[in-house]
Amino acid sequence: SSGGLTTAAVALASTSRLVVGLGLLPAGVRNAAIVAMEIATLAR
């Protein structure tokens, strides 16, 4: 369907207070360090 991290980023950028969750990221699809970088970018 649609990329989870990219749609989460768009939702966060489109709102001001809403908590945006992402469930679920398949563990085997992404390298753990790379997905940690992506999560850290959104969290910061």
PDB file of all heavy atoms in Angstrom:
ATOM      1  N   SER A   1       0.830  -1.195   0.000  1.00  0.00           N
ATOM      2  CA  SER A   1       0.000   0.000   0.000  1.00  0.00           C
ATOM      3  C   SER A   1       0.870   1.252   0.000  1.00  0.00           C
ATOM      4  O   SER A   1       1.347   1.677  -1.050  1.00  0.00           O
ATOM      5  CB  SER A   1      -0.942  -0.036   1.206  1.00  0.00           C
ATOM      6  OG  SER A   1      -1.753   1.100   1.240  1.00  0.00           O
ATOM      7  N   SER A   2       1.080   1.841   1.196  1.00  0.00           N
ATOM      8  CA  SER A   2       1.856   3.083   1.291  1.00  0.00           C
ATOM      9  C   SER A   2       2.952   2.913   2.332  1.00  0.00           C
ATOM     10  O   SER A   2       2.787   2.185   3.310  1.00  0.00           O
ATOM     11  CB  SER A   2       0.953   4.256   1.695  1.00  0.00           C
ATOM     12  OG  SER A   2      -0.120   4.393   0.791  1.00  0.00           O
ATOM     13  N   GLY A   3       4.059   3.604   2.138  1.00  0.00           N
ATOM     14  CA  GLY A   3       5.170   3.518   3.078  1.00  0.00           C
ATOM     15  C   GLY A   3       4.793   4.066   4.447  1.00  0.00           C
ATOM     16  O   GLY A   3       4.285   5.185   4.556  1.00  0.00           O
ATOM     17  N   GLY A   4       5.034   3.288   5.486  1.00  0.00           N
ATOM     18  CA  GLY A   4       4.638   3.698   6.827  1.00  0.00           C
ATOM     19  C   GLY A   4       5.377   4.908   7.350  1.00  0.00           C
ATOM     20  O   GLY A   4       4.778   5.844   7.898  1.00  0.00           O
ATOM     21  N   LEU A   5       6.690   4.930   7.199  1.00  0.00           N
ATOM     22  CA  LEU A   5       7.466   6.056   7.727  1.00  0.00           C
ATOM     23  C   LEU A   5       7.191   7.334   6.946  1.00  0.00           C
ATOM     24  O   LEU A   5       7.144   8.426   7.529  1.00  0.00           O
ATOM     25  CB  LEU A   5       8.958   5.722   7.699  1.00  0.00           C
ATOM     26  CG  LEU A   5       9.409   4.734   8.775  1.00  0.00           C
ATOM     27  CD1 LEU A   5      10.784   4.163   8.445  1.00  0.00           C
ATOM     28  CD2 LEU A   5       9.436   5.407  10.152  1.00  0.00           C
ATOM     29  N   THR A   6       6.984   7.217   5.638  1.00  0.00           N
ATOM     30  CA  THR A   6       6.721   8.425   4.858  1.00  0.00           C
ATOM     31  C   THR A   6       5.333   8.985   5.162  1.00  0.00           C
ATOM     32  O   THR A   6       5.179  10.207   5.313  1.00  0.00           O
ATOM     33  CB  THR A   6       6.861   8.143   3.350  1.00  0.00           C
ATOM     34  OG1 THR A   6       6.173   6.926   3.025  1.00  0.00           O
ATOM     35  CG2 THR A   6       8.313   7.997   2.958  1.00  0.00           C
ATOM     36  N   THR A   7       4.330   8.123   5.273  1.00  0.00           N
ATOM     37  CA  THR A   7       3.001   8.641   5.602  1.00  0.00           C
ATOM     38  C   THR A   7       2.965   9.191   7.026  1.00  0.00           C
ATOM     39  O   THR A   7       2.286  10.190   7.291  1.00  0.00           O
ATOM     40  CB  THR A   7       1.921   7.558   5.425  1.00  0.00           C
ATOM     41  OG1 THR A   7       2.289   6.375   6.142  1.00  0.00           O
ATOM     42  CG2 THR A   7       1.718   7.225   3.956  1.00  0.00           C
ATOM     43  N   ALA A   8       3.707   8.569   7.935  1.00  0.00           N
ATOM     44  CA  ALA A   8       3.784   9.105   9.304  1.00  0.00           C
ATOM     45  C   ALA A   8       4.415  10.489   9.295  1.00  0.00           C
ATOM     46  O   ALA A   8       3.964  11.402  10.006  1.00  0.00           O
ATOM     47  CB  ALA A   8       4.571   8.159  10.199  1.00  0.00           C
ATOM     48  N   ALA A   9       5.466  10.662   8.510  1.00  0.00           N
ATOM     49  CA  ALA A   9       6.124  11.969   8.428  1.00  0.00           C
ATOM     50  C   ALA A   9       5.177  13.030   7.887  1.00  0.00           C
ATOM     51  O   ALA A   9       5.128  14.165   8.395  1.00  0.00           O
ATOM     52  CB  ALA A   9       7.368  11.872   7.548  1.00  0.00           C
ATOM     53  N   VAL A  10       4.393  12.672   6.861  1.00  0.00           N
ATOM     54  CA  VAL A  10       3.437  13.630   6.291  1.00  0.00           C
ATOM     55  C   VAL A  10       2.371  13.982   7.320  1.00  0.00           C
ATOM     56  O   VAL A  10       1.992  15.163   7.474  1.00  0.00           O
ATOM     57  CB  VAL A  10       2.801  13.055   5.008  1.00  0.00           C
ATOM     58  CG1 VAL A  10       1.688  13.963   4.511  1.00  0.00           C
ATOM     59  CG2 VAL A  10       3.855  12.874   3.929  1.00  0.00           C
ATOM     60  N   ALA A  11       1.867  12.989   8.043  1.00  0.00           N
ATOM     61  CA  ALA A  11       0.842  13.247   9.059  1.00  0.00           C
ATOM     62  C   ALA A  11       1.372  14.140  10.169  1.00  0.00           C
ATOM     63  O   ALA A  11       0.679  15.062  10.631  1.00  0.00           O
ATOM     64  CB  ALA A  11       0.342  11.927   9.642  1.00  0.00           C
ATOM     65  N   LEU A  12       2.591  13.904  10.598  1.00  0.00           N
ATOM     66  CA  LEU A  12       3.192  14.737  11.640  1.00  0.00           C
ATOM     67  C   LEU A  12       3.368  16.168  11.155  1.00  0.00           C
ATOM     68  O   LEU A  12       3.079  17.133  11.881  1.00  0.00           O
ATOM     69  CB  LEU A  12       4.541  14.151  12.058  1.00  0.00           C
ATOM     70  CG  LEU A  12       4.476  12.886  12.931  1.00  0.00           C
ATOM     71  CD1 LEU A  12       5.820  12.161  12.931  1.00  0.00           C
ATOM     72  CD2 LEU A  12       4.060  13.248  14.364  1.00  0.00           C
ATOM     73  N   ALA A  13       3.824  16.328   9.933  1.00  0.00           N
ATOM     74  CA  ALA A  13       4.065  17.667   9.397  1.00  0.00           C
ATOM     75  C   ALA A  13       2.763  18.424   9.142  1.00  0.00           C
ATOM     76  O   ALA A  13       2.765  19.656   9.070  1.00  0.00           O
ATOM     77  CB  ALA A  13       4.861  17.569   8.102  1.00  0.00           C
ATOM     78  N   SER A  14       1.656  17.700   9.034  1.00  0.00           N
ATOM     79  CA  SER A  14       0.367  18.323   8.727  1.00  0.00           C
ATOM     80  C   SER A  14      -0.417  18.704   9.972  1.00  0.00           C
ATOM     81  O   SER A  14      -1.487  19.312   9.854  1.00  0.00           O
ATOM     82  CB  SER A  14      -0.477  17.358   7.875  1.00  0.00           C
ATOM     83  OG  SER A  14       0.196  17.011   6.687  1.00  0.00           O
ATOM     84  N   THR A  15       0.081  18.357  11.150  1.00  0.00           N
ATOM     85  CA  THR A  15      -0.642  18.585  12.401  1.00  0.00           C
ATOM     86  C   THR A  15       0.277  19.239  13.422  1.00  0.00           C
ATOM     87  O   THR A  15       1.486  19.352  13.208  1.00  0.00           O
ATOM     88  CB  THR A  15      -1.179  17.247  12.951  1.00  0.00           C
ATOM     89  OG1 THR A  15      -0.092  16.314  13.076  1.00  0.00           O
ATOM     90  CG2 THR A  15      -2.241  16.661  12.024  1.00  0.00           C
ATOM     91  N   SER A  16      -0.305  19.656  14.538  1.00  0.00           N
ATOM     92  CA  SER A  16       0.497  20.363  15.533  1.00  0.00           C
ATOM     93  C   SER A  16       0.563  19.664  16.892  1.00  0.00           C
ATOM     94  O   SER A  16       1.522  19.860  17.636  1.00  0.00           O
ATOM     95  CB  SER A  16      -0.039  21.782  15.732  1.00  0.00           C
ATOM     96  OG  SER A  16      -1.389  21.744  16.174  1.00  0.00           O
ATOM     97  N   ARG A  17      -0.447  18.871  17.241  1.00  0.00           N
ATOM     98  CA  ARG A  17      -0.420  18.220  18.561  1.00  0.00           C
ATOM     99  C   ARG A  17      -0.660  16.716  18.484  1.00  0.00           C
ATOM    100  O   ARG A  17      -0.368  15.976  19.421  1.00  0.00           O
ATOM    101  CB  ARG A  17      -1.480  18.823  19.479  1.00  0.00           C
ATOM    102  CG  ARG A  17      -2.907  18.591  18.994  1.00  0.00           C
ATOM    103  CD  ARG A  17      -3.961  18.684  20.095  1.00  0.00           C
ATOM    104  NE  ARG A  17      -5.261  18.289  19.550  1.00  0.00           N
ATOM    105  CZ  ARG A  17      -5.681  17.030  19.474  1.00  0.00           C
ATOM    106  NH1 ARG A  17      -4.902  16.056  19.920  1.00  0.00           N
ATOM    107  NH2 ARG A  17      -6.860  16.742  18.956  1.00  0.00           N
ATOM    108  N   LEU A  18      -1.183  16.224  17.375  1.00  0.00           N
ATOM    109  CA  LEU A  18      -1.580  14.831  17.234  1.00  0.00           C
ATOM    110  C   LEU A  18      -0.387  13.898  17.406  1.00  0.00           C
ATOM    111  O   LEU A  18       0.673  14.116  16.827  1.00  0.00           O
ATOM    112  CB  LEU A  18      -2.197  14.621  15.854  1.00  0.00           C
ATOM    113  CG  LEU A  18      -3.065  13.399  15.616  1.00  0.00           C
ATOM    114  CD1 LEU A  18      -4.357  13.481  16.416  1.00  0.00           C
ATOM    115  CD2 LEU A  18      -3.385  13.271  14.118  1.00  0.00           C
ATOM    116  N   VAL A  19      -0.548  12.858  18.217  1.00  0.00           N
ATOM    117  CA  VAL A  19       0.445  11.794  18.290  1.00  0.00           C
ATOM    118  C   VAL A  19       0.225  10.869  17.102  1.00  0.00           C
ATOM    119  O   VAL A  19      -0.904  10.463  16.825  1.00  0.00           O
ATOM    120  CB  VAL A  19       0.322  11.005  19.607  1.00  0.00           C
ATOM    121  CG1 VAL A  19       1.200   9.757  19.589  1.00  0.00           C
ATOM    122  CG2 VAL A  19       0.694  11.891  20.789  1.00  0.00           C
ATOM    123  N   VAL A  20       1.288  10.567  16.384  1.00  0.00           N
ATOM    124  CA  VAL A  20       1.205   9.686  15.221  1.00  0.00           C
ATOM    125  C   VAL A  20       1.941   8.393  15.535  1.00  0.00           C
ATOM    126  O   VAL A  20       3.138   8.395  15.834  1.00  0.00           O
ATOM    127  CB  VAL A  20       1.795  10.357  13.964  1.00  0.00           C
ATOM    128  CG1 VAL A  20       1.808   9.378  12.789  1.00  0.00           C
ATOM    129  CG2 VAL A  20       0.983  11.601  13.607  1.00  0.00           C
ATOM    130  N   GLY A  21       1.188   7.302  15.506  1.00  0.00           N
ATOM    131  CA  GLY A  21       1.784   5.986  15.699  1.00  0.00           C
ATOM    132  C   GLY A  21       1.984   5.303  14.362  1.00  0.00           C
ATOM    133  O   GLY A  21       1.383   5.682  13.351  1.00  0.00           O
ATOM    134  N   LEU A  22       2.825   4.300  14.346  1.00  0.00           N
ATOM    135  CA  LEU A  22       3.067   3.521  13.144  1.00  0.00           C
ATOM    136  C   LEU A  22       3.113   2.050  13.510  1.00  0.00           C
ATOM    137  O   LEU A  22       4.029   1.587  14.179  1.00  0.00           O
ATOM    138  CB  LEU A  22       4.382   3.944  12.472  1.00  0.00           C
ATOM    139  CG  LEU A  22       4.840   3.101  11.288  1.00  0.00           C
ATOM    140  CD1 LEU A  22       3.741   2.971  10.245  1.00  0.00           C
ATOM    141  CD2 LEU A  22       6.094   3.696  10.668  1.00  0.00           C
ATOM    142  N   GLY A  23       2.091   1.321  13.106  1.00  0.00           N
ATOM    143  CA  GLY A  23       2.057  -0.098  13.407  1.00  0.00           C
ATOM    144  C   GLY A  23       1.437  -0.892  12.270  1.00  0.00           C
ATOM    145  O   GLY A  23       0.299  -0.621  11.908  1.00  0.00           O
ATOM    146  N   LEU A  24       2.232  -1.761  11.635  1.00  0.00           N
ATOM    147  CA  LEU A  24       3.496  -2.223  12.187  1.00  0.00           C
ATOM    148  C   LEU A  24       4.588  -2.182  11.117  1.00  0.00           C
ATOM    149  O   LEU A  24       4.312  -2.412   9.933  1.00  0.00           O
ATOM    150  CB  LEU A  24       3.387  -3.669  12.680  1.00  0.00           C
ATOM    151  CG  LEU A  24       2.306  -3.941  13.715  1.00  0.00           C
ATOM    152  CD1 LEU A  24       2.069  -5.423  13.858  1.00  0.00           C
ATOM    153  CD2 LEU A  24       2.674  -3.329  15.058  1.00  0.00           C
ATOM    154  N   LEU A  25       5.816  -1.923  11.558  1.00  0.00           N
ATOM    155  CA  LEU A  25       6.971  -2.029  10.680  1.00  0.00           C
ATOM    156  C   LEU A  25       7.472  -3.470  10.708  1.00  0.00           C
ATOM    157  O   LEU A  25       7.820  -3.981  11.778  1.00  0.00           O
ATOM    158  CB  LEU A  25       8.086  -1.098  11.165  1.00  0.00           C
ATOM    159  CG  LEU A  25       7.912   0.394  10.915  1.00  0.00           C
ATOM    160  CD1 LEU A  25       8.869   1.179  11.795  1.00  0.00           C
ATOM    161  CD2 LEU A  25       8.152   0.722   9.456  1.00  0.00           C
ATOM    162  N   PRO A  26       7.520  -4.182   9.578  1.00  0.00           N
ATOM    163  CA  PRO A  26       8.042  -5.550   9.580  1.00  0.00           C
ATOM    164  C   PRO A  26       9.530  -5.563   9.923  1.00  0.00           C
ATOM    165  O   PRO A  26      10.339  -4.900   9.274  1.00  0.00           O
ATOM    166  CB  PRO A  26       7.803  -6.032   8.140  1.00  0.00           C
ATOM    167  CG  PRO A  26       6.783  -5.097   7.572  1.00  0.00           C
ATOM    168  CD  PRO A  26       7.012  -3.783   8.256  1.00  0.00           C
ATOM    169  N   ALA A  27       9.884  -6.324  10.942  1.00  0.00           N
ATOM    170  CA  ALA A  27      11.246  -6.265  11.475  1.00  0.00           C
ATOM    171  C   ALA A  27      12.305  -6.692  10.468  1.00  0.00           C
ATOM    172  O   ALA A  27      13.415  -6.168  10.468  1.00  0.00           O
ATOM    173  CB  ALA A  27      11.347  -7.137  12.729  1.00  0.00           C
ATOM    174  N   GLY A  28      11.968  -7.628   9.600  1.00  0.00           N
ATOM    175  CA  GLY A  28      12.988  -8.150   8.712  1.00  0.00           C
ATOM    176  C   GLY A  28      13.212  -7.357   7.448  1.00  0.00           C
ATOM    177  O   GLY A  28      14.129  -7.655   6.676  1.00  0.00           O
ATOM    178  N   VAL A  29      12.412  -6.335   7.225  1.00  0.00           N
ATOM    179  CA  VAL A  29      12.470  -5.625   5.953  1.00  0.00           C
ATOM    180  C   VAL A  29      13.517  -4.517   5.960  1.00  0.00           C
ATOM    181  O   VAL A  29      14.103  -4.197   4.924  1.00  0.00           O
ATOM    182  CB  VAL A  29      11.080  -5.053   5.608  1.00  0.00           C
ATOM    183  CG1 VAL A  29      11.136  -4.149   4.393  1.00  0.00           C
ATOM    184  CG2 VAL A  29      10.098  -6.193   5.364  1.00  0.00           C
ATOM    185  N   ARG A  30      13.768  -3.924   7.144  1.00  0.00           N
ATOM    186  CA  ARG A  30      14.685  -2.794   7.205  1.00  0.00           C
ATOM    187  C   ARG A  30      15.882  -3.104   8.100  1.00  0.00           C
ATOM    188  O   ARG A  30      15.759  -3.756   9.133  1.00  0.00           O
ATOM    189  CB  ARG A  30      13.970  -1.555   7.752  1.00  0.00           C
ATOM    190  CG  ARG A  30      12.995  -0.928   6.766  1.00  0.00           C
ATOM    191  CD  ARG A  30      12.497   0.396   7.331  1.00  0.00           C
ATOM    192  NE  ARG A  30      11.661   1.101   6.380  1.00  0.00           N
ATOM    193  CZ  ARG A  30      10.353   0.920   6.252  1.00  0.00           C
ATOM    194  NH1 ARG A  30       9.747   0.033   7.013  1.00  0.00           N
ATOM    195  NH2 ARG A  30       9.656   1.612   5.373  1.00  0.00           N
ATOM    196  N   ASN A  31      17.023  -2.597   7.714  1.00  0.00           N
ATOM    197  CA  ASN A  31      18.204  -2.663   8.568  1.00  0.00           C
ATOM    198  C   ASN A  31      17.938  -1.880   9.849  1.00  0.00           C
ATOM    199  O   ASN A  31      17.416  -0.760   9.817  1.00  0.00           O
ATOM    200  CB  ASN A  31      19.400  -2.071   7.817  1.00  0.00           C
ATOM    201  CG  ASN A  31      20.648  -2.044   8.656  1.00  0.00           C
ATOM    202  OD1 ASN A  31      20.822  -1.155   9.479  1.00  0.00           O
ATOM    203  ND2 ASN A  31      21.508  -3.024   8.435  1.00  0.00           N
ATOM    204  N   ALA A  32      18.287  -2.459  10.989  1.00  0.00           N
ATOM    205  CA  ALA A  32      17.947  -1.851  12.274  1.00  0.00           C
ATOM    206  C   ALA A  32      18.577  -0.473  12.461  1.00  0.00           C
ATOM    207  O   ALA A  32      17.958   0.437  13.026  1.00  0.00           O
ATOM    208  CB  ALA A  32      18.368  -2.778  13.418  1.00  0.00           C
ATOM    209  N   ALA A  33      19.797  -0.286  11.998  1.00  0.00           N
ATOM    210  CA  ALA A  33      20.450   1.016  12.154  1.00  0.00           C
ATOM    211  C   ALA A  33      19.790   2.069  11.273  1.00  0.00           C
ATOM    212  O   ALA A  33      19.607   3.222  11.694  1.00  0.00           O
ATOM    213  CB  ALA A  33      21.931   0.909  11.816  1.00  0.00           C
ATOM    214  N   ILE A  34      19.426   1.682  10.056  1.00  0.00           N
ATOM    215  CA  ILE A  34      18.813   2.647   9.137  1.00  0.00           C
ATOM    216  C   ILE A  34      17.431   3.046   9.634  1.00  0.00           C
ATOM    217  O   ILE A  34      17.066   4.235   9.615  1.00  0.00           O
ATOM    218  CB  ILE A  34      18.737   2.067   7.714  1.00  0.00           C
ATOM    219  CG1 ILE A  34      20.126   1.656   7.222  1.00  0.00           C
ATOM    220  CG2 ILE A  34      18.105   3.084   6.771  1.00  0.00           C
ATOM    221  CD1 ILE A  34      21.159   2.758   7.273  1.00  0.00           C
ATOM    222  N   VAL A  35      16.640   2.082  10.082  1.00  0.00           N
ATOM    223  CA  VAL A  35      15.313   2.434  10.581  1.00  0.00           C
ATOM    224  C   VAL A  35      15.416   3.236  11.879  1.00  0.00           C
ATOM    225  O   VAL A  35      14.593   4.119  12.134  1.00  0.00           O
ATOM    226  CB  VAL A  35      14.434   1.176  10.753  1.00  0.00           C
ATOM    227  CG1 VAL A  35      14.790   0.383  11.998  1.00  0.00           C
ATOM    228  CG2 VAL A  35      12.959   1.556  10.785  1.00  0.00           C
ATOM    229  N   ALA A  36      16.450   3.002  12.684  1.00  0.00           N
ATOM    230  CA  ALA A  36      16.663   3.827  13.882  1.00  0.00           C
ATOM    231  C   ALA A  36      16.962   5.270  13.487  1.00  0.00           C
ATOM    232  O   ALA A  36      16.505   6.220  14.152  1.00  0.00           O
ATOM    233  CB  ALA A  36      17.798   3.253  14.726  1.00  0.00           C
ATOM    234  N   MET A  37      17.740   5.474  12.417  1.00  0.00           N
ATOM    235  CA  MET A  37      17.994   6.832  11.929  1.00  0.00           C
ATOM    236  C   MET A  37      16.703   7.520  11.519  1.00  0.00           C
ATOM    237  O   MET A  37      16.487   8.700  11.828  1.00  0.00           O
ATOM    238  CB  MET A  37      18.942   6.802  10.722  1.00  0.00           C
ATOM    239  CG  MET A  37      20.380   6.489  11.089  1.00  0.00           C
ATOM    240  SD  MET A  37      21.556   6.460   9.693  1.00  0.00           S
ATOM    241  CE  MET A  37      20.617   6.913   8.280  1.00  0.00           C
ATOM    242  N   GLU A  38      15.836   6.792  10.814  1.00  0.00           N
ATOM    243  CA  GLU A  38      14.569   7.362  10.365  1.00  0.00           C
ATOM    244  C   GLU A  38      13.696   7.738  11.561  1.00  0.00           C
ATOM    245  O   GLU A  38      13.105   8.830  11.609  1.00  0.00           O
ATOM    246  CB  GLU A  38      13.824   6.347   9.478  1.00  0.00           C
ATOM    247  CG  GLU A  38      14.572   5.900   8.252  1.00  0.00           C
ATOM    248  CD  GLU A  38      14.530   6.916   7.122  1.00  0.00           C
ATOM    249  OE1 GLU A  38      13.996   8.021   7.327  1.00  0.00           O
ATOM    250  OE2 GLU A  38      15.030   6.599   6.032  1.00  0.00           O
ATOM    251  N   ILE A  39      13.607   6.841  12.526  1.00  0.00           N
ATOM    252  CA  ILE A  39      12.796   7.105  13.718  1.00  0.00           C
ATOM    253  C   ILE A  39      13.360   8.293  14.491  1.00  0.00           C
ATOM    254  O   ILE A  39      12.613   9.165  14.957  1.00  0.00           O
ATOM    255  CB  ILE A  39      12.725   5.846  14.606  1.00  0.00           C
ATOM    256  CG1 ILE A  39      11.926   4.747  13.895  1.00  0.00           C
ATOM    257  CG2 ILE A  39      12.109   6.164  15.964  1.00  0.00           C
ATOM    258  CD1 ILE A  39      12.028   3.386  14.560  1.00  0.00           C
ATOM    259  N   ALA A  40      14.677   8.336  14.622  1.00  0.00           N
ATOM    260  CA  ALA A  40      15.312   9.441  15.354  1.00  0.00           C
ATOM    261  C   ALA A  40      15.029  10.780  14.681  1.00  0.00           C
ATOM    262  O   ALA A  40      14.799  11.794  15.363  1.00  0.00           O
ATOM    263  CB  ALA A  40      16.819   9.203  15.454  1.00  0.00           C
ATOM    264  N   THR A  41      15.044  10.799  13.365  1.00  0.00           N
ATOM    265  CA  THR A  41      14.768  12.049  12.641  1.00  0.00           C
ATOM    266  C   THR A  41      13.368  12.554  12.951  1.00  0.00           C
ATOM    267  O   THR A  41      13.163  13.746  13.237  1.00  0.00           O
ATOM    268  CB  THR A  41      14.927  11.820  11.131  1.00  0.00           C
ATOM    269  OG1 THR A  41      16.270  11.429  10.849  1.00  0.00           O
ATOM    270  CG2 THR A  41      14.583  13.080  10.349  1.00  0.00           C
ATOM    271  N   LEU A  42      12.375  11.653  12.915  1.00  0.00           N
ATOM    272  CA  LEU A  42      11.001  12.057  13.223  1.00  0.00           C
ATOM    273  C   LEU A  42      10.862  12.439  14.693  1.00  0.00           C
ATOM    274  O   LEU A  42      10.158  13.397  15.030  1.00  0.00           O
ATOM    275  CB  LEU A  42      10.030  10.934  12.867  1.00  0.00           C
ATOM    276  CG  LEU A  42       9.887  10.626  11.373  1.00  0.00           C
ATOM    277  CD1 LEU A  42       8.946   9.447  11.150  1.00  0.00           C
ATOM    278  CD2 LEU A  42       9.390  11.848  10.614  1.00  0.00           C
ATOM    279  N   ALA A  43      11.530  11.708  15.570  1.00  0.00           N
ATOM    280  CA  ALA A  43      11.430  11.995  17.010  1.00  0.00           C
ATOM    281  C   ALA A  43      12.060  13.332  17.358  1.00  0.00           C
ATOM    282  O   ALA A  43      11.583  14.040  18.262  1.00  0.00           O
ATOM    283  CB  ALA A  43      12.084  10.874  17.805  1.00  0.00           C
ATOM    284  N   ARG A  44      13.129  13.704  16.678  1.00  0.00           N
ATOM    285  CA  ARG A  44      13.753  15.009  16.934  1.00  0.00           C
ATOM    286  C   ARG A  44      12.929  16.151  16.346  1.00  0.00           C
ATOM    287  O   ARG A  44      12.812  17.229  16.930  1.00  0.00           O
ATOM    288  CB  ARG A  44      15.166  15.047  16.333  1.00  0.00           C
ATOM    289  CG  ARG A  44      16.197  14.251  17.116  1.00  0.00           C
ATOM    290  CD  ARG A  44      17.559  14.362  16.456  1.00  0.00           C
ATOM    291  NE  ARG A  44      18.085  15.715  16.527  1.00  0.00           N
ATOM    292  CZ  ARG A  44      18.981  16.134  17.422  1.00  0.00           C
ATOM    293  NH1 ARG A  44      19.444  15.295  18.329  1.00  0.00           N
ATOM    294  NH2 ARG A  44      19.412  17.382  17.404  1.00  0.00           N
TER     295      ARG A  44
END
